[in-house]
Amino acid sequence: MLRMIRSELLKMRHTFSLKLIVFTPLATLLLSYLLSGSYAQFSAYNWWYFMVLPLVAALCSASMITREKKTGMQNIVCLPIQFRKIWLGKTAAMVILLFVSNILLWISTTAAGFVTNAAISPLDGLMGCILLFLTYLWQIPFIMWLVNFMGYLPSILVSMAANVILSAVGAETEWFLFVPYAIPARIVCPFFKIHVNGIPLESGSPLLSREYVLPALIISLLFALAVFLGSSKWFSRGGQAHE
């Protein structure tokens, strides 16, 4: 399995997707500093989970399967390996990249706190980034599966629209637990201390409560497992692209 993951990561060398993973967190922080000055931390974290991370996850996950789709899955069919394991390898490679990207954002944003208004502690920033990573896991296999039915660009647009709209509409409601797209934006509120629209939370706001963090995380991880198993089962049957 480690060889398969390494193989998938090697395939991404010199690709635009890999550059996104590395440079997007830095670009987010730089833009936040230029536009928000001493409040760069607030802006960077807000833009990251509301728009940038959904775009990075969608582009990289879609590229992961589009590369195989262009050859009609011939690069996979000829391998003496179960399709289920190949799907696991692709998913695991994207999981690693998603984790790296979130950690890079945390490191750069925490470092920026020494020269700007450090409104978010390093521990809260780390917890928030890890929670974002965990609650975005289900989108990796889902987007890869979606590409086979909608194509590269439509799947990215649908993913972005769902993330942005449902986060804005559902993150601060009582029913956010029933909307997987809304969970990431809500679960980081106690750690980043900002509304989805980027405005700092008021003192005593119910969104600062951490009692819903664990239930939301469990639901998101269970959903990720269900999505992975479902998409893996489809792929193991030799799922083909639908034009």
Protein backbone atom coordinates (compact mmCIF):
# COMPACT_ATOMS: atom_id res chain seq x y z
CA MET A 1 0.00 0.00 0.00
CA LEU A 2 2.85 2.40 0.80
CA ARG A 3 4.26 1.81 -2.66
CA MET A 4 0.91 2.66 -4.22
CA ILE A 5 0.64 5.88 -2.24
CA ARG A 6 4.21 6.80 -3.16
CA SER A 7 3.43 6.03 -6.80
CA GLU A 8 0.41 8.34 -6.77
CA LEU A 9 2.44 11.11 -5.17
CA LEU A 10 5.22 10.68 -7.73
CA LYS A 11 2.67 11.03 -10.53
CA MET A 12 1.90 14.50 -9.20
CA ARG A 13 5.47 15.76 -9.43
CA HIS A 14 5.72 19.00 -11.40
CA THR A 15 1.93 19.19 -11.67
CA PHE A 16 -0.24 22.23 -11.06
CA SER A 17 -2.07 20.36 -8.29
CA LEU A 18 1.07 19.85 -6.25
CA LYS A 19 1.97 23.50 -6.63
CA LEU A 20 -1.48 24.41 -5.31
CA ILE A 21 -0.92 22.32 -2.20
CA VAL A 22 2.33 24.15 -1.39
CA PHE A 23 1.79 27.70 -2.59
CA THR A 24 -1.91 28.29 -1.96
CA PRO A 25 -1.55 28.54 1.86
CA LEU A 26 1.25 31.08 1.43
CA ALA A 27 -0.70 33.04 -1.17
CA THR A 28 -3.74 33.10 1.13
CA LEU A 29 -1.70 34.57 3.96
CA LEU A 30 0.02 37.11 1.72
CA LEU A 31 -3.27 38.33 0.28
CA SER A 32 -4.77 38.51 3.77
CA TYR A 33 -1.88 40.65 4.97
CA LEU A 34 -2.11 42.99 1.99
CA LEU A 35 -5.85 43.49 2.44
CA SER A 36 -6.30 43.19 6.21
CA GLY A 37 -2.97 44.29 7.65
CA SER A 38 -2.68 43.43 11.34
CA TYR A 39 -5.83 41.28 11.14
CA ALA A 40 -4.24 38.95 8.61
CA GLN A 41 -4.77 35.90 10.83
CA PHE A 42 -8.55 36.32 10.89
CA SER A 43 -8.72 36.88 7.15
CA ALA A 44 -6.36 34.04 6.25
CA TYR A 45 -8.24 31.43 8.27
CA ASN A 46 -11.61 32.69 7.08
CA TRP A 47 -10.73 32.72 3.40
CA TRP A 48 -9.00 29.39 3.76
CA TYR A 49 -11.94 27.33 4.96
CA PHE A 50 -14.64 29.32 3.16
CA MET A 51 -13.20 29.46 -0.39
CA VAL A 52 -9.55 28.45 -0.82
CA LEU A 53 -9.57 25.00 0.78
CA PRO A 54 -12.71 23.88 -1.11
CA LEU A 55 -11.07 24.98 -4.36
CA VAL A 56 -7.77 23.23 -3.60
CA ALA A 57 -9.54 20.02 -2.54
CA ALA A 58 -11.74 20.05 -5.63
CA LEU A 59 -8.96 20.78 -8.13
CA CYS A 60 -6.52 18.24 -6.72
CA SER A 61 -9.07 15.46 -6.20
CA ALA A 62 -10.52 15.96 -9.68
CA SER A 63 -7.05 15.95 -11.23
CA MET A 64 -6.24 12.71 -9.44
CA ILE A 65 -8.90 10.76 -11.35
CA THR A 66 -8.95 12.85 -14.55
CA ARG A 67 -5.42 11.69 -15.25
CA GLU A 68 -6.68 8.10 -15.45
CA LYS A 69 -9.92 9.04 -17.21
CA LYS A 70 -8.02 10.51 -20.16
CA THR A 71 -6.55 7.08 -20.92
CA GLY A 72 -9.84 5.26 -20.47
CA MET A 73 -8.52 3.75 -17.23
CA GLN A 74 -6.06 1.69 -19.29
CA ASN A 75 -3.18 2.52 -16.91
CA ILE A 76 -5.20 0.90 -14.12
CA VAL A 77 -6.79 -2.03 -15.92
CA CYS A 78 -3.42 -3.50 -16.86
CA LEU A 79 -2.16 -3.52 -13.26
CA PRO A 80 -2.29 -6.81 -11.31
CA ILE A 81 -3.82 -5.01 -8.34
CA GLN A 82 -7.37 -4.92 -7.05
CA PHE A 83 -9.25 -1.79 -8.06
CA ARG A 84 -10.28 -1.28 -4.46
CA LYS A 85 -6.64 -0.98 -3.41
CA ILE A 86 -5.92 1.44 -6.24
CA TRP A 87 -8.81 3.63 -5.10
CA LEU A 88 -7.50 3.48 -1.55
CA GLY A 89 -4.03 4.49 -2.74
CA LYS A 90 -5.37 7.50 -4.65
CA THR A 91 -7.52 8.57 -1.72
CA ALA A 92 -4.68 8.15 0.77
CA ALA A 93 -2.32 10.21 -1.40
CA MET A 94 -4.85 13.05 -1.51
CA VAL A 95 -5.39 12.76 2.25
CA ILE A 96 -1.67 13.30 2.80
CA LEU A 97 -1.62 16.33 0.50
CA LEU A 98 -4.69 17.83 2.18
CA PHE A 99 -3.05 17.43 5.57
CA VAL A 100 0.20 19.02 4.38
CA SER A 101 -1.66 22.00 2.93
CA ASN A 102 -3.55 22.65 6.16
CA ILE A 103 -0.38 22.36 8.23
CA LEU A 104 1.45 24.77 5.92
CA LEU A 105 -1.33 27.28 6.43
CA TRP A 106 -1.11 26.88 10.20
CA ILE A 107 2.69 27.28 10.25
CA SER A 108 2.68 30.36 8.03
CA THR A 109 -0.28 31.99 9.78
CA THR A 110 1.16 31.30 13.22
CA ALA A 111 4.49 32.79 12.14
CA ALA A 112 2.66 35.85 10.82
CA GLY A 113 1.14 36.30 14.28
CA PHE A 114 4.54 37.44 15.58
CA VAL A 115 4.49 40.51 13.32
CA THR A 116 0.73 41.16 13.19
CA ASN A 117 -2.17 41.02 15.63
CA ALA A 118 -1.93 37.43 16.95
CA ALA A 119 -5.66 37.12 17.63
CA ILE A 120 -5.64 33.32 17.35
CA SER A 121 -3.34 31.25 19.55
CA PRO A 122 -1.04 28.65 17.92
CA LEU A 123 -2.92 25.82 19.67
CA ASP A 124 -6.33 27.05 18.53
CA GLY A 125 -4.98 27.54 15.02
CA LEU A 126 -3.59 24.01 14.96
CA MET A 127 -6.82 22.50 16.29
CA GLY A 128 -8.83 24.41 13.71
CA CYS A 129 -6.64 23.28 10.81
CA ILE A 130 -6.72 19.65 11.93
CA LEU A 131 -10.51 19.77 12.26
CA LEU A 132 -10.76 21.25 8.77
CA PHE A 133 -8.58 18.45 7.45
CA LEU A 134 -10.70 15.77 9.12
CA THR A 135 -14.06 17.23 8.10
CA TYR A 136 -12.97 17.60 4.46
CA LEU A 137 -11.88 13.97 4.09
CA TRP A 138 -15.21 12.79 2.66
CA GLN A 139 -14.95 15.23 -0.22
CA ILE A 140 -11.84 13.56 -1.66
CA PRO A 141 -13.42 10.26 -2.80
CA PHE A 142 -16.71 12.02 -3.52
CA ILE A 143 -15.14 14.47 -5.97
CA MET A 144 -13.09 11.72 -7.63
CA TRP A 145 -16.29 9.72 -8.07
CA LEU A 146 -18.19 12.80 -9.28
CA VAL A 147 -15.63 13.46 -12.04
CA ASN A 148 -16.58 10.17 -13.69
CA PHE A 149 -20.16 11.32 -14.17
CA MET A 150 -19.86 15.07 -14.63
CA GLY A 151 -16.37 15.65 -15.97
CA TYR A 152 -13.53 17.73 -14.58
CA LEU A 153 -14.83 21.31 -14.69
CA PRO A 154 -18.50 20.62 -13.77
CA SER A 155 -17.48 18.56 -10.74
CA ILE A 156 -15.24 21.40 -9.52
CA LEU A 157 -17.96 24.00 -10.02
CA VAL A 158 -20.56 21.87 -8.24
CA SER A 159 -18.19 21.22 -5.34
CA MET A 160 -17.28 24.88 -4.97
CA ALA A 161 -20.89 26.03 -5.16
CA ALA A 162 -22.00 23.47 -2.57
CA ASN A 163 -19.20 24.40 -0.19
CA VAL A 164 -19.64 28.15 -0.42
CA ILE A 165 -23.44 28.28 -0.46
CA LEU A 166 -24.16 25.60 2.13
CA SER A 167 -21.43 26.88 4.45
CA ALA A 168 -22.83 30.39 4.31
CA VAL A 169 -26.43 29.25 4.73
CA GLY A 170 -26.14 26.31 7.10
CA ALA A 171 -23.00 26.67 9.22
CA GLU A 172 -24.59 28.84 11.91
CA THR A 173 -27.95 27.07 12.04
CA GLU A 174 -29.16 24.40 14.45
CA TRP A 175 -29.35 21.83 11.67
CA PHE A 176 -25.74 22.16 10.46
CA LEU A 177 -25.02 18.57 11.58
CA PHE A 178 -27.23 17.34 8.75
CA VAL A 179 -25.23 19.25 6.12
CA PRO A 180 -21.71 17.81 5.65
CA TYR A 181 -20.66 20.88 3.67
CA ALA A 182 -21.57 23.15 6.58
CA ILE A 183 -19.75 21.21 9.30
CA PRO A 184 -16.19 22.49 8.60
CA ALA A 185 -17.17 26.16 8.84
CA ARG A 186 -19.12 25.59 12.05
CA ILE A 187 -16.69 23.28 13.81
CA VAL A 188 -13.82 25.79 13.66
CA CYS A 189 -15.82 28.71 15.10
CA PRO A 190 -14.62 28.12 18.71
CA PHE A 191 -11.00 28.01 17.55
CA PHE A 192 -10.82 30.75 14.90
CA LYS A 193 -13.42 32.86 16.75
CA ILE A 194 -14.96 34.26 13.58
CA HIS A 195 -18.30 34.07 11.81
CA VAL A 196 -18.43 32.51 8.37
CA ASN A 197 -18.53 36.03 6.93
CA GLY A 198 -15.21 36.84 8.66
CA ILE A 199 -16.58 39.05 11.43
CA PRO A 200 -15.09 38.24 14.90
CA LEU A 201 -17.47 36.40 17.23
CA GLU A 202 -19.05 38.38 20.01
CA SER A 203 -18.15 37.57 23.61
CA GLY A 204 -20.58 34.94 24.91
CA SER A 205 -21.66 33.84 21.43
CA PRO A 206 -23.07 30.27 21.38
CA LEU A 207 -20.76 29.62 18.44
CA LEU A 208 -17.84 29.71 20.87
CA SER A 209 -19.14 26.58 22.59
CA ARG A 210 -17.10 23.45 21.91
CA GLU A 211 -19.73 20.94 23.02
CA TYR A 212 -20.81 20.19 19.46
CA VAL A 213 -17.27 19.73 18.10
CA LEU A 214 -16.95 16.04 18.92
CA PRO A 215 -20.42 15.02 17.64
CA ALA A 216 -19.85 16.99 14.43
CA LEU A 217 -16.43 15.40 13.95
CA ILE A 218 -17.80 11.89 14.49
CA ILE A 219 -20.62 12.46 12.01
CA SER A 220 -18.20 13.84 9.42
CA LEU A 221 -15.77 10.92 9.81
CA LEU A 222 -18.56 8.35 9.59
CA PHE A 223 -19.82 10.06 6.46
CA ALA A 224 -16.29 10.00 5.05
CA LEU A 225 -16.08 6.27 5.69
CA ALA A 226 -19.44 5.69 4.02
CA VAL A 227 -18.49 7.76 0.97
CA PHE A 228 -15.15 5.99 0.64
CA LEU A 229 -16.66 2.51 0.93
CA GLY A 230 -19.40 3.35 -1.55
CA SER A 231 -17.08 4.88 -4.12
CA SER A 232 -14.53 2.12 -3.60
CA LYS A 233 -17.18 -0.53 -4.26
CA TRP A 234 -18.18 1.24 -7.46
CA PHE A 235 -14.57 1.57 -8.58
CA SER A 236 -13.81 -2.08 -7.77
CA ARG A 237 -16.43 -3.04 -10.35
CA GLY A 238 -14.36 -1.31 -12.97
CA GLY A 239 -16.20 2.02 -12.91
CA GLN A 240 -15.85 3.76 -16.20
CA ALA A 241 -16.23 7.36 -17.19
CA HIS A 242 -19.63 8.40 -18.42
CA GLU A 243 -19.44 10.87 -21.26
